Amino acid sequence: MDITQRKKHITDRIKELTAHLQKISDDLDQPLPAHLEDQAIDLEDDEVLEGIGRANQHELRLLQDALGRIADGSYGICQKCGEAISPARLDAVPHAMICRTCAAGD
């Protein structure tokens, strides 16, 4: 996968996460039902949605940082050892900042 394809892949994932975050926000903005048991269930569901939202926001920040590395030419270079990050690792983790060897050493 060349850098243009990687950038498109990352950009597409950012769009997907942004849409998902908007849906979560819309769901969280819904009023609670009148019945107390239903309210308890909705509040538990909201906690799960908030957790998913936090995870999505974290991934979104990592992907935006990856776009920054693409822009400055450092994408795909391990920030620890300076070696190239394998294409397979970047396929699996497009926002990877370190190579598999350095990640295994942590």
PDB file of N, CA and C in Angstrom:
ATOM      1  N   MET A   1       0.863  -1.176   0.000  1.00  0.00           N
ATOM      2  CA  MET A   1       0.000   0.000   0.000  1.00  0.00           C
ATOM      3  C   MET A   1       0.908   1.237   0.000  1.00  0.00           C
ATOM      4  N   ASP A   2       0.693   2.133  -0.952  1.00  0.00           N
ATOM      5  CA  ASP A   2       1.516   3.338  -0.981  1.00  0.00           C
ATOM      6  C   ASP A   2       0.966   4.392  -0.018  1.00  0.00           C
ATOM      7  N   ILE A   3       1.716   5.464   0.145  1.00  0.00           N
ATOM      8  CA  ILE A   3       1.374   6.483   1.146  1.00  0.00           C
ATOM      9  C   ILE A   3       0.037   7.151   0.827  1.00  0.00           C
ATOM     10  N   THR A   4      -0.292   7.303  -0.457  1.00  0.00           N
ATOM     11  CA  THR A   4      -1.578   7.900  -0.835  1.00  0.00           C
ATOM     12  C   THR A   4      -2.729   7.004  -0.398  1.00  0.00           C
ATOM     13  N   GLN A   5      -2.568   5.703  -0.585  1.00  0.00           N
ATOM     14  CA  GLN A   5      -3.600   4.755  -0.159  1.00  0.00           C
ATOM     15  C   GLN A   5      -3.705   4.734   1.367  1.00  0.00           C
ATOM     16  N   ARG A   6      -2.566   4.784   2.044  1.00  0.00           N
ATOM     17  CA  ARG A   6      -2.596   4.801   3.518  1.00  0.00           C
ATOM     18  C   ARG A   6      -3.321   6.047   4.017  1.00  0.00           C
ATOM     19  N   LYS A   7      -3.014   7.185   3.408  1.00  0.00           N
ATOM     20  CA  LYS A   7      -3.664   8.437   3.808  1.00  0.00           C
ATOM     21  C   LYS A   7      -5.170   8.340   3.592  1.00  0.00           C
ATOM     22  N   LYS A   8      -5.599   7.782   2.449  1.00  0.00           N
ATOM     23  CA  LYS A   8      -7.031   7.621   2.182  1.00  0.00           C
ATOM     24  C   LYS A   8      -7.660   6.681   3.201  1.00  0.00           C
ATOM     25  N   HIS A   9      -6.974   5.586   3.496  1.00  0.00           N
ATOM     26  CA  HIS A   9      -7.474   4.620   4.479  1.00  0.00           C
ATOM     27  C   HIS A   9      -7.657   5.301   5.843  1.00  0.00           C
ATOM     28  N   ILE A  10      -6.679   6.079   6.259  1.00  0.00           N
ATOM     29  CA  ILE A  10      -6.748   6.785   7.542  1.00  0.00           C
ATOM     30  C   ILE A  10      -7.868   7.821   7.511  1.00  0.00           C
ATOM     31  N   THR A  11      -7.952   8.573   6.432  1.00  0.00           N
ATOM     32  CA  THR A  11      -8.998   9.595   6.302  1.00  0.00           C
ATOM     33  C   THR A  11     -10.385   8.969   6.333  1.00  0.00           C
ATOM     34  N   ASP A  12     -10.542   7.843   5.640  1.00  0.00           N
ATOM     35  CA  ASP A  12     -11.834   7.138   5.658  1.00  0.00           C
ATOM     36  C   ASP A  12     -12.185   6.679   7.072  1.00  0.00           C
ATOM     37  N   ARG A  13     -11.203   6.173   7.799  1.00  0.00           N
ATOM     38  CA  ARG A  13     -11.456   5.723   9.175  1.00  0.00           C
ATOM     39  C   ARG A  13     -11.817   6.912  10.068  1.00  0.00           C
ATOM     40  N   ILE A  14     -11.177   8.054   9.850  1.00  0.00           N
ATOM     41  CA  ILE A  14     -11.508   9.263  10.618  1.00  0.00           C
ATOM     42  C   ILE A  14     -12.966   9.657  10.358  1.00  0.00           C
ATOM     43  N   LYS A  15     -13.386   9.605   9.112  1.00  0.00           N
ATOM     44  CA  LYS A  15     -14.787   9.936   8.777  1.00  0.00           C
ATOM     45  C   LYS A  15     -15.742   8.963   9.461  1.00  0.00           C
ATOM     46  N   GLU A  16     -15.381   7.684   9.437  1.00  0.00           N
ATOM     47  CA  GLU A  16     -16.210   6.658  10.073  1.00  0.00           C
ATOM     48  C   GLU A  16     -16.327   6.902  11.578  1.00  0.00           C
ATOM     49  N   LEU A  17     -15.189   7.185  12.224  1.00  0.00           N
ATOM     50  CA  LEU A  17     -15.207   7.442  13.665  1.00  0.00           C
ATOM     51  C   LEU A  17     -15.994   8.709  13.997  1.00  0.00           C
ATOM     52  N   THR A  18     -15.836   9.739  13.182  1.00  0.00           N
ATOM     53  CA  THR A  18     -16.550  10.995  13.418  1.00  0.00           C
ATOM     54  C   THR A  18     -18.056  10.771  13.333  1.00  0.00           C
ATOM     55  N   ALA A  19     -18.497  10.014  12.342  1.00  0.00           N
ATOM     56  CA  ALA A  19     -19.928   9.707  12.216  1.00  0.00           C
ATOM     57  C   ALA A  19     -20.410   8.887  13.406  1.00  0.00           C
ATOM     58  N   HIS A  20     -19.592   7.933  13.839  1.00  0.00           N
ATOM     59  CA  HIS A  20     -19.965   7.100  14.983  1.00  0.00           C
ATOM     60  C   HIS A  20     -20.045   7.953  16.248  1.00  0.00           C
ATOM     61  N   LEU A  21     -19.105   8.861  16.434  1.00  0.00           N
ATOM     62  CA  LEU A  21     -19.139   9.751  17.604  1.00  0.00           C
ATOM     63  C   LEU A  21     -20.380  10.635  17.583  1.00  0.00           C
ATOM     64  N   GLN A  22     -20.782  11.082  16.406  1.00  0.00           N
ATOM     65  CA  GLN A  22     -21.993  11.899  16.303  1.00  0.00           C
ATOM     66  C   GLN A  22     -23.220  11.086  16.690  1.00  0.00           C
ATOM     67  N   LYS A  23     -23.269   9.826  16.251  1.00  0.00           N
ATOM     68  CA  LYS A  23     -24.396   8.957  16.605  1.00  0.00           C
ATOM     69  C   LYS A  23     -24.429   8.729  18.115  1.00  0.00           C
ATOM     70  N   ILE A  24     -23.274   8.504  18.713  1.00  0.00           N
ATOM     71  CA  ILE A  24     -23.208   8.322  20.166  1.00  0.00           C
ATOM     72  C   ILE A  24     -23.705   9.579  20.869  1.00  0.00           C
ATOM     73  N   SER A  25     -23.255  10.738  20.403  1.00  0.00           N
ATOM     74  CA  SER A  25     -23.683  12.000  20.998  1.00  0.00           C
ATOM     75  C   SER A  25     -25.194  12.172  20.884  1.00  0.00           C
ATOM     76  N   ASP A  26     -25.727  11.841  19.718  1.00  0.00           N
ATOM     77  CA  ASP A  26     -27.180  11.932  19.533  1.00  0.00           C
ATOM     78  C   ASP A  26     -27.920  10.988  20.473  1.00  0.00           C
ATOM     79  N   ASP A  27     -27.405   9.762  20.615  1.00  0.00           N
ATOM     80  CA  ASP A  27     -28.036   8.792  21.513  1.00  0.00           C
ATOM     81  C   ASP A  27     -27.989   9.264  22.967  1.00  0.00           C
ATOM     82  N   LEU A  28     -26.862   9.850  23.355  1.00  0.00           N
ATOM     83  CA  LEU A  28     -26.710  10.314  24.736  1.00  0.00           C
ATOM     84  C   LEU A  28     -27.593  11.527  25.026  1.00  0.00           C
ATOM     85  N   ASP A  29     -27.964  12.260  23.979  1.00  0.00           N
ATOM     86  CA  ASP A  29     -28.805  13.447  24.154  1.00  0.00           C
ATOM     87  C   ASP A  29     -30.291  13.116  24.278  1.00  0.00           C
ATOM     88  N   GLN A  30     -30.643  11.857  24.085  1.00  0.00           N
ATOM     89  CA  GLN A  30     -32.050  11.463  24.175  1.00  0.00           C
ATOM     90  C   GLN A  30     -32.524  11.578  25.628  1.00  0.00           C
ATOM     91  N   PRO A  31     -33.743  12.065  25.835  1.00  0.00           N
ATOM     92  CA  PRO A  31     -34.266  12.169  27.200  1.00  0.00           C
ATOM     93  C   PRO A  31     -34.489  10.780  27.809  1.00  0.00           C
ATOM     94  N   LEU A  32     -34.389  10.729  29.115  1.00  0.00           N
ATOM     95  CA  LEU A  32     -34.630   9.471  29.825  1.00  0.00           C
ATOM     96  C   LEU A  32     -36.112   9.144  29.815  1.00  0.00           C
ATOM     97  N   PRO A  33     -36.454   7.866  29.774  1.00  0.00           N
ATOM     98  CA  PRO A  33     -37.870   7.480  29.845  1.00  0.00           C
ATOM     99  C   PRO A  33     -38.444   7.786  31.228  1.00  0.00           C
ATOM    100  N   ALA A  34     -39.736   7.810  31.315  1.00  0.00           N
ATOM    101  CA  ALA A  34     -40.413   8.147  32.567  1.00  0.00           C
ATOM    102  C   ALA A  34     -40.298   7.036  33.609  1.00  0.00           C
ATOM    103  N   HIS A  35     -40.306   5.804  33.191  1.00  0.00           N
ATOM    104  CA  HIS A  35     -40.286   4.673  34.108  1.00  0.00           C
ATOM    105  C   HIS A  35     -38.883   4.488  34.703  1.00  0.00           C
ATOM    106  N   LEU A  36     -38.793   4.334  36.023  1.00  0.00           N
ATOM    107  CA  LEU A  36     -37.499   4.251  36.703  1.00  0.00           C
ATOM    108  C   LEU A  36     -36.646   3.066  36.264  1.00  0.00           C
ATOM    109  N   GLU A  37     -37.261   1.916  36.051  1.00  0.00           N
ATOM    110  CA  GLU A  37     -36.484   0.746  35.617  1.00  0.00           C
ATOM    111  C   GLU A  37     -35.888   0.990  34.237  1.00  0.00           C
ATOM    112  N   ASP A  38     -36.654   1.610  33.361  1.00  0.00           N
ATOM    113  CA  ASP A  38     -36.156   1.941  32.028  1.00  0.00           C
ATOM    114  C   ASP A  38     -35.037   2.984  32.113  1.00  0.00           C
ATOM    115  N   GLN A  39     -35.161   3.910  33.054  1.00  0.00           N
ATOM    116  CA  GLN A  39     -34.116   4.912  33.253  1.00  0.00           C
ATOM    117  C   GLN A  39     -32.807   4.247  33.667  1.00  0.00           C
ATOM    118  N   ALA A  40     -32.897   3.276  34.570  1.00  0.00           N
ATOM    119  CA  ALA A  40     -31.695   2.575  35.031  1.00  0.00           C
ATOM    120  C   ALA A  40     -31.007   1.862  33.873  1.00  0.00           C
ATOM    121  N   ILE A  41     -31.795   1.226  33.031  1.00  0.00           N
ATOM    122  CA  ILE A  41     -31.231   0.532  31.869  1.00  0.00           C
ATOM    123  C   ILE A  41     -30.590   1.537  30.916  1.00  0.00           C
ATOM    124  N   ASP A  42     -31.274   2.639  30.672  1.00  0.00           N
ATOM    125  CA  ASP A  42     -30.730   3.666  29.778  1.00  0.00           C
ATOM    126  C   ASP A  42     -29.436   4.261  30.334  1.00  0.00           C
ATOM    127  N   LEU A  43     -29.375   4.471  31.648  1.00  0.00           N
ATOM    128  CA  LEU A  43     -28.160   5.018  32.244  1.00  0.00           C
ATOM    129  C   LEU A  43     -26.991   4.046  32.113  1.00  0.00           C
ATOM    130  N   GLU A  44     -27.259   2.748  32.272  1.00  0.00           N
ATOM    131  CA  GLU A  44     -26.210   1.755  32.070  1.00  0.00           C
ATOM    132  C   GLU A  44     -25.753   1.747  30.616  1.00  0.00           C
ATOM    133  N   ASP A  45     -26.708   1.828  29.701  1.00  0.00           N
ATOM    134  CA  ASP A  45     -26.374   1.888  28.273  1.00  0.00           C
ATOM    135  C   ASP A  45     -25.535   3.132  27.966  1.00  0.00           C
ATOM    136  N   ASP A  46     -25.891   4.245  28.595  1.00  0.00           N
ATOM    137  CA  ASP A  46     -25.146   5.487  28.385  1.00  0.00           C
ATOM    138  C   ASP A  46     -23.696   5.344  28.841  1.00  0.00           C
ATOM    139  N   GLU A  47     -23.472   4.634  29.940  1.00  0.00           N
ATOM    140  CA  GLU A  47     -22.103   4.423  30.416  1.00  0.00           C
ATOM    141  C   GLU A  47     -21.290   3.644  29.387  1.00  0.00           C
ATOM    142  N   VAL A  48     -21.912   2.646  28.799  1.00  0.00           N
ATOM    143  CA  VAL A  48     -21.234   1.860  27.762  1.00  0.00           C
ATOM    144  C   VAL A  48     -20.936   2.752  26.556  1.00  0.00           C
ATOM    145  N   LEU A  49     -21.917   3.533  26.130  1.00  0.00           N
ATOM    146  CA  LEU A  49     -21.716   4.429  24.992  1.00  0.00           C
ATOM    147  C   LEU A  49     -20.607   5.436  25.259  1.00  0.00           C
ATOM    148  N   GLU A  50     -20.559   5.957  26.481  1.00  0.00           N
ATOM    149  CA  GLU A  50     -19.511   6.915  26.828  1.00  0.00           C
ATOM    150  C   GLU A  50     -18.133   6.263  26.746  1.00  0.00           C
ATOM    151  N   GLY A  51     -18.027   5.026  27.182  1.00  0.00           N
ATOM    152  CA  GLY A  51     -16.762   4.295  27.089  1.00  0.00           C
ATOM    153  C   GLY A  51     -16.350   4.077  25.643  1.00  0.00           C
ATOM    154  N   ILE A  52     -17.301   3.701  24.818  1.00  0.00           N
ATOM    155  CA  ILE A  52     -17.024   3.516  23.390  1.00  0.00           C
ATOM    156  C   ILE A  52     -16.618   4.860  22.776  1.00  0.00           C
ATOM    157  N   GLY A  53     -17.304   5.908  23.169  1.00  0.00           N
ATOM    158  CA  GLY A  53     -16.987   7.246  22.664  1.00  0.00           C
ATOM    159  C   GLY A  53     -15.574   7.667  23.033  1.00  0.00           C
ATOM    160  N   ARG A  54     -15.157   7.406  24.270  1.00  0.00           N
ATOM    161  CA  ARG A  54     -13.793   7.750  24.686  1.00  0.00           C
ATOM    162  C   ARG A  54     -12.765   6.970  23.863  1.00  0.00           C
ATOM    163  N   ALA A  55     -13.033   5.683  23.636  1.00  0.00           N
ATOM    164  CA  ALA A  55     -12.120   4.864  22.831  1.00  0.00           C
ATOM    165  C   ALA A  55     -12.053   5.394  21.396  1.00  0.00           C
ATOM    166  N   ASN A  56     -13.193   5.774  20.850  1.00  0.00           N
ATOM    167  CA  ASN A  56     -13.215   6.324  19.496  1.00  0.00           C
ATOM    168  C   ASN A  56     -12.465   7.648  19.416  1.00  0.00           C
ATOM    169  N   GLN A  57     -12.623   8.489  20.432  1.00  0.00           N
ATOM    170  CA  GLN A  57     -11.913   9.766  20.444  1.00  0.00           C
ATOM    171  C   GLN A  57     -10.403   9.544  20.517  1.00  0.00           C
ATOM    172  N   HIS A  58      -9.988   8.561  21.297  1.00  0.00           N
ATOM    173  CA  HIS A  58      -8.565   8.243  21.407  1.00  0.00           C
ATOM    174  C   HIS A  58      -8.022   7.779  20.051  1.00  0.00           C
ATOM    175  N   GLU A  59      -8.736   6.871  19.405  1.00  0.00           N
ATOM    176  CA  GLU A  59      -8.303   6.394  18.088  1.00  0.00           C
ATOM    177  C   GLU A  59      -8.282   7.545  17.086  1.00  0.00           C
ATOM    178  N   LEU A  60      -9.261   8.420  17.158  1.00  0.00           N
ATOM    179  CA  LEU A  60      -9.329   9.570  16.265  1.00  0.00           C
ATOM    180  C   LEU A  60      -8.085  10.452  16.421  1.00  0.00           C
ATOM    181  N   ARG A  61      -7.681  10.721  17.662  1.00  0.00           N
ATOM    182  CA  ARG A  61      -6.471  11.521  17.904  1.00  0.00           C
ATOM    183  C   ARG A  61      -5.232  10.831  17.331  1.00  0.00           C
ATOM    184  N   LEU A  62      -5.136   9.506  17.531  1.00  0.00           N
ATOM    185  CA  LEU A  62      -3.990   8.764  17.003  1.00  0.00           C
ATOM    186  C   LEU A  62      -3.952   8.824  15.480  1.00  0.00           C
ATOM    187  N   LEU A  63      -5.109   8.705  14.837  1.00  0.00           N
ATOM    188  CA  LEU A  63      -5.163   8.766  13.379  1.00  0.00           C
ATOM    189  C   LEU A  63      -4.836  10.163  12.862  1.00  0.00           C
ATOM    190  N   GLN A  64      -5.291  11.189  13.570  1.00  0.00           N
ATOM    191  CA  GLN A  64      -4.956  12.560  13.174  1.00  0.00           C
ATOM    192  C   GLN A  64      -3.452  12.801  13.314  1.00  0.00           C
ATOM    193  N   ASP A  65      -2.861  12.249  14.368  1.00  0.00           N
ATOM    194  CA  ASP A  65      -1.407  12.341  14.529  1.00  0.00           C
ATOM    195  C   ASP A  65      -0.693  11.623  13.385  1.00  0.00           C
ATOM    196  N   ALA A  66      -1.255  10.478  12.947  1.00  0.00           N
ATOM    197  CA  ALA A  66      -0.669   9.735  11.823  1.00  0.00           C
ATOM    198  C   ALA A  66      -0.707  10.589  10.551  1.00  0.00           C
ATOM    199  N   LEU A  67      -1.807  11.307  10.339  1.00  0.00           N
ATOM    200  CA  LEU A  67      -1.869  12.207   9.179  1.00  0.00           C
ATOM    201  C   LEU A  67      -0.799  13.290   9.272  1.00  0.00           C
ATOM    202  N   GLY A  68      -0.533  13.762  10.482  1.00  0.00           N
ATOM    203  CA  GLY A  68       0.532  14.738  10.685  1.00  0.00           C
ATOM    204  C   GLY A  68       1.898  14.161  10.328  1.00  0.00           C
ATOM    205  N   ARG A  69       2.108  12.898  10.685  1.00  0.00           N
ATOM    206  CA  ARG A  69       3.380  12.246  10.340  1.00  0.00           C
ATOM    207  C   ARG A  69       3.493  12.026   8.839  1.00  0.00           C
ATOM    208  N   ILE A  70       2.360  11.742   8.192  1.00  0.00           N
ATOM    209  CA  ILE A  70       2.381  11.633   6.729  1.00  0.00           C
ATOM    210  C   ILE A  70       2.798  12.974   6.137  1.00  0.00           C
ATOM    211  N   ALA A  71       2.222  14.047   6.647  1.00  0.00           N
ATOM    212  CA  ALA A  71       2.511  15.388   6.135  1.00  0.00           C
ATOM    213  C   ALA A  71       3.976  15.778   6.333  1.00  0.00           C
ATOM    214  N   ASP A  72       4.556  15.388   7.478  1.00  0.00           N
ATOM    215  CA  ASP A  72       5.947  15.797   7.727  1.00  0.00           C
ATOM    216  C   ASP A  72       6.975  14.759   7.267  1.00  0.00           C
ATOM    217  N   GLY A  73       6.493  13.652   6.691  1.00  0.00           N
ATOM    218  CA  GLY A  73       7.393  12.652   6.128  1.00  0.00           C
ATOM    219  C   GLY A  73       7.927  11.627   7.108  1.00  0.00           C
ATOM    220  N   SER A  74       7.425  11.627   8.328  1.00  0.00           N
ATOM    221  CA  SER A  74       7.934  10.675   9.321  1.00  0.00           C
ATOM    222  C   SER A  74       7.041   9.448   9.497  1.00  0.00           C
ATOM    223  N   TYR A  75       5.952   9.370   8.737  1.00  0.00           N
ATOM    224  CA  TYR A  75       5.038   8.228   8.842  1.00  0.00           C
ATOM    225  C   TYR A  75       5.750   6.957   8.403  1.00  0.00           C
ATOM    226  N   GLY A  76       5.568   5.902   9.178  1.00  0.00           N
ATOM    227  CA  GLY A  76       6.155   4.609   8.829  1.00  0.00           C
ATOM    228  C   GLY A  76       7.575   4.431   9.323  1.00  0.00           C
ATOM    229  N   ILE A  77       8.069   5.421  10.063  1.00  0.00           N
ATOM    230  CA  ILE A  77       9.401   5.338  10.651  1.00  0.00           C
ATOM    231  C   ILE A  77       9.242   5.208  12.162  1.00  0.00           C
ATOM    232  N   CYS A  78       9.883   4.179  12.730  1.00  0.00           N
ATOM    233  CA  CYS A  78       9.782   3.938  14.165  1.00  0.00           C
ATOM    234  C   CYS A  78      10.347   5.118  14.941  1.00  0.00           C
ATOM    235  N   GLN A  79       9.588   5.613  15.896  1.00  0.00           N
ATOM    236  CA  GLN A  79      10.024   6.750  16.700  1.00  0.00           C
ATOM    237  C   GLN A  79      11.038   6.356  17.763  1.00  0.00           C
ATOM    238  N   LYS A  80      11.246   5.044  17.964  1.00  0.00           N
ATOM    239  CA  LYS A  80      12.248   4.589  18.933  1.00  0.00           C
ATOM    240  C   LYS A  80      13.583   4.304  18.266  1.00  0.00           C
ATOM    241  N   CYS A  81      13.553   3.458  17.233  1.00  0.00           N
ATOM    242  CA  CYS A  81      14.819   2.993  16.644  1.00  0.00           C
ATOM    243  C   CYS A  81      15.131   3.626  15.292  1.00  0.00           C
ATOM    244  N   GLY A  82      14.167   4.286  14.685  1.00  0.00           N
ATOM    245  CA  GLY A  82      14.388   4.943  13.409  1.00  0.00           C
ATOM    246  C   GLY A  82      14.292   4.037  12.194  1.00  0.00           C
ATOM    247  N   GLU A  83      13.992   2.766  12.411  1.00  0.00           N
ATOM    248  CA  GLU A  83      13.829   1.823  11.297  1.00  0.00           C
ATOM    249  C   GLU A  83      12.407   1.924  10.737  1.00  0.00           C
ATOM    250  N   ALA A  84      12.241   1.378   9.541  1.00  0.00           N
ATOM    251  CA  ALA A  84      10.911   1.385   8.916  1.00  0.00           C
ATOM    252  C   ALA A  84       9.965   0.454   9.678  1.00  0.00           C
ATOM    253  N   ILE A  85       8.723   0.886   9.808  1.00  0.00           N
ATOM    254  CA  ILE A  85       7.671   0.047  10.373  1.00  0.00           C
ATOM    255  C   ILE A  85       7.145  -0.811   9.226  1.00  0.00           C
ATOM    256  N   SER A  86       6.987  -2.091   9.467  1.00  0.00           N
ATOM    257  CA  SER A  86       6.585  -3.006   8.390  1.00  0.00           C
ATOM    258  C   SER A  86       5.209  -2.642   7.844  1.00  0.00           C
ATOM    259  N   PRO A  87       5.022  -2.838   6.533  1.00  0.00           N
ATOM    260  CA  PRO A  87       3.698  -2.598   5.952  1.00  0.00           C
ATOM    261  C   PRO A  87       2.604  -3.415   6.631  1.00  0.00           C
ATOM    262  N   ALA A  88       2.917  -4.639   7.037  1.00  0.00           N
ATOM    263  CA  ALA A  88       1.909  -5.478   7.703  1.00  0.00           C
ATOM    264  C   ALA A  88       1.459  -4.832   9.011  1.00  0.00           C
ATOM    265  N   ARG A  89       2.397  -4.262   9.764  1.00  0.00           N
ATOM    266  CA  ARG A  89       2.036  -3.587  11.027  1.00  0.00           C
ATOM    267  C   ARG A  89       1.187  -2.357  10.735  1.00  0.00           C
ATOM    268  N   LEU A  90       1.567  -1.590   9.712  1.00  0.00           N
ATOM    269  CA  LEU A  90       0.791  -0.399   9.367  1.00  0.00           C
ATOM    270  C   LEU A  90      -0.585  -0.767   8.824  1.00  0.00           C
ATOM    271  N   ASP A  91      -0.691  -1.933   8.177  1.00  0.00           N
ATOM    272  CA  ASP A  91      -2.006  -2.406   7.741  1.00  0.00           C
ATOM    273  C   ASP A  91      -2.893  -2.689   8.953  1.00  0.00           C
ATOM    274  N   ALA A  92      -2.298  -3.307   9.965  1.00  0.00           N
ATOM    275  CA  ALA A  92      -3.050  -3.683  11.169  1.00  0.00           C
ATOM    276  C   ALA A  92      -3.298  -2.494  12.089  1.00  0.00           C
ATOM    277  N   VAL A  93      -2.295  -1.623  12.211  1.00  0.00           N
ATOM    278  CA  VAL A  93      -2.363  -0.468  13.116  1.00  0.00           C
ATOM    279  C   VAL A  93      -1.890   0.759  12.338  1.00  0.00           C
ATOM    280  N   PRO A  94      -2.775   1.390  11.573  1.00  0.00           N
ATOM    281  CA  PRO A  94      -2.360   2.490  10.697  1.00  0.00           C
ATOM    282  C   PRO A  94      -1.715   3.667  11.426  1.00  0.00           C
ATOM    283  N   HIS A  95      -1.976   3.781  12.708  1.00  0.00           N
ATOM    284  CA  HIS A  95      -1.420   4.891  13.479  1.00  0.00           C
ATOM    285  C   HIS A  95      -0.175   4.482  14.267  1.00  0.00           C
ATOM    286  N   ALA A  96       0.395   3.319  13.955  1.00  0.00           N
ATOM    287  CA  ALA A  96       1.564   2.819  14.694  1.00  0.00           C
ATOM    288  C   ALA A  96       2.705   3.836  14.621  1.00  0.00           C
ATOM    289  N   MET A  97       3.305   4.076  15.795  1.00  0.00           N
ATOM    290  CA  MET A  97       4.425   5.001  15.883  1.00  0.00           C
ATOM    291  C   MET A  97       5.750   4.269  16.066  1.00  0.00           C
ATOM    292  N   ILE A  98       5.665   2.996  16.466  1.00  0.00           N
ATOM    293  CA  ILE A  98       6.886   2.218  16.661  1.00  0.00           C
ATOM    294  C   ILE A  98       6.757   0.878  15.952  1.00  0.00           C
ATOM    295  N   CYS A  99       7.910   0.323  15.612  1.00  0.00           N
ATOM    296  CA  CYS A  99       7.927  -0.941  14.895  1.00  0.00           C
ATOM    297  C   CYS A  99       7.566  -2.093  15.840  1.00  0.00           C
ATOM    298  N   ARG A 100       7.358  -3.235  15.247  1.00  0.00           N
ATOM    299  CA  ARG A 100       6.950  -4.406  16.020  1.00  0.00           C
ATOM    300  C   ARG A 100       8.026  -4.818  17.030  1.00  0.00           C
ATOM    301  N   THR A 101       9.277  -4.732  16.624  1.00  0.00           N
ATOM    302  CA  THR A 101      10.376  -5.097  17.513  1.00  0.00           C
ATOM    303  C   THR A 101      10.402  -4.220  18.750  1.00  0.00           C
ATOM    304  N   CYS A 102      10.304  -2.915  18.542  1.00  0.00           N
ATOM    305  CA  CYS A 102      10.313  -1.975  19.681  1.00  0.00           C
ATOM    306  C   CYS A 102       9.046  -2.142  20.529  1.00  0.00           C
ATOM    307  N   ALA A 103       7.910  -2.413  19.872  1.00  0.00           N
ATOM    308  CA  ALA A 103       6.666  -2.612  20.625  1.00  0.00           C
ATOM    309  C   ALA A 103       6.763  -3.853  21.499  1.00  0.00           C
ATOM    310  N   ALA A 104       7.430  -4.884  21.007  1.00  0.00           N
ATOM    311  CA  ALA A 104       7.581  -6.128  21.780  1.00  0.00           C
ATOM    312  C   ALA A 104       8.519  -5.918  22.958  1.00  0.00           C
ATOM    313  N   GLY A 105       9.419  -4.957  22.849  1.00  0.00           N
ATOM    314  CA  GLY A 105      10.371  -4.689  23.919  1.00  0.00           C
ATOM    315  C   GLY A 105       9.797  -3.871  25.058  1.00  0.00           C
ATOM    316  N   ASP A 106       8.611  -3.291  24.866  1.00  0.00           N
ATOM    317  CA  ASP A 106       7.989  -2.455  25.922  1.00  0.00           C
ATOM    318  C   ASP A 106       7.447  -3.279  27.056  1.00  0.00           C
TER     319      ASP A 106
END
